[in-house]
Amino acid sequence: MKLTTSGRARLYAITSVACIIWLVQSVIEANADGTLFSYATIILSLCLAFVSGYCAFNAIRDWNVKDKESRHEAE
């Protein structure tokens, strides 16, 4: 299965939103149980923030790009 650029952008956007939700949930839970500043929580939060930013950047970059395949389907 080959994805178009706009389809790939949508998947990046969904992944970014899911990672942001996961980041917020893990920070809230870590704050509630007192492990907010443990190494594991900090590393997980940094990784989730990086992945969220990377996916959001790629989603924004590819959102309005037109593919050759998309043009052929429209004709």
Protein backbone atom coordinates (compact mmCIF):
# COMPACT_ATOMS: atom_id res chain seq x y z
CA MET A 1 0.00 0.00 0.00
CA LYS A 2 1.42 3.35 -1.03
CA LEU A 3 0.44 6.44 0.93
CA THR A 4 0.01 9.83 -0.64
CA THR A 5 1.70 12.83 0.92
CA SER A 6 -1.56 14.14 2.33
CA GLY A 7 -2.35 10.71 3.82
CA ARG A 8 1.09 10.57 5.41
CA ALA A 9 0.54 14.08 6.81
CA ARG A 10 -2.72 12.97 8.39
CA LEU A 11 -1.01 9.99 10.02
CA TYR A 12 1.73 12.27 11.36
CA ALA A 13 -0.94 14.60 12.78
CA ILE A 14 -2.80 11.74 14.47
CA THR A 15 0.46 10.39 15.92
CA SER A 16 1.37 13.84 17.22
CA VAL A 17 -1.98 14.28 18.94
CA ALA A 18 -1.80 10.80 20.47
CA CYS A 19 1.70 11.44 21.83
CA ILE A 20 0.65 14.80 23.29
CA ILE A 21 -2.28 13.10 25.05
CA TRP A 22 0.05 10.38 26.34
CA LEU A 23 2.52 13.02 27.56
CA VAL A 24 -0.16 14.96 29.44
CA GLN A 25 -1.56 11.77 30.96
CA SER A 26 1.84 10.53 32.14
CA VAL A 27 2.77 13.92 33.66
CA ILE A 28 -0.54 14.13 35.52
CA GLU A 29 -0.18 10.58 36.87
CA ALA A 30 3.46 11.12 37.83
CA ASN A 31 2.52 14.31 39.66
CA ALA A 32 -0.24 12.50 41.53
CA ASP A 33 2.00 9.67 42.76
CA GLY A 34 5.04 11.84 43.46
CA THR A 35 7.38 10.54 40.75
CA LEU A 36 7.30 13.64 38.55
CA PHE A 37 11.04 14.28 38.84
CA SER A 38 12.26 10.69 38.59
CA TYR A 39 14.65 9.81 35.77
CA ALA A 40 12.17 7.49 34.08
CA THR A 41 9.44 10.12 33.97
CA ILE A 42 11.82 12.80 32.71
CA ILE A 43 13.20 10.57 29.95
CA LEU A 44 9.73 9.43 28.88
CA SER A 45 8.49 13.03 28.84
CA LEU A 46 11.44 14.21 26.76
CA CYS A 47 10.98 11.37 24.27
CA LEU A 48 7.26 12.03 23.94
CA ALA A 49 7.85 15.76 23.51
CA PHE A 50 10.44 15.10 20.79
CA VAL A 51 8.21 12.64 18.91
CA SER A 52 5.23 14.99 19.19
CA GLY A 53 7.23 17.89 17.81
CA TYR A 54 8.74 15.83 14.99
CA CYS A 55 5.36 14.47 13.93
CA ALA A 56 3.69 17.88 14.15
CA PHE A 57 6.47 19.44 12.04
CA ASN A 58 6.11 16.76 9.34
CA ALA A 59 2.31 17.02 9.37
CA ILE A 60 2.43 20.79 8.89
CA ARG A 61 5.14 20.54 6.21
CA ASP A 62 3.28 17.93 4.12
CA TRP A 63 -0.31 19.05 4.74
CA ASN A 64 -0.87 21.12 1.56
CA VAL A 65 1.53 19.32 -0.81
CA LYS A 66 -0.10 18.00 -3.97
CA ASP A 67 0.97 14.58 -5.25
CA LYS A 68 1.09 13.37 -8.82
CA GLU A 69 -1.23 10.57 -7.72
CA SER A 70 -3.72 12.99 -6.17
CA ARG A 71 -3.85 15.01 -9.37
CA HIS A 72 -4.46 11.88 -11.45
CA GLU A 73 -7.32 10.77 -9.18
CA ALA A 74 -8.99 14.17 -9.49
CA GLU A 75 -8.97 14.06 -13.31
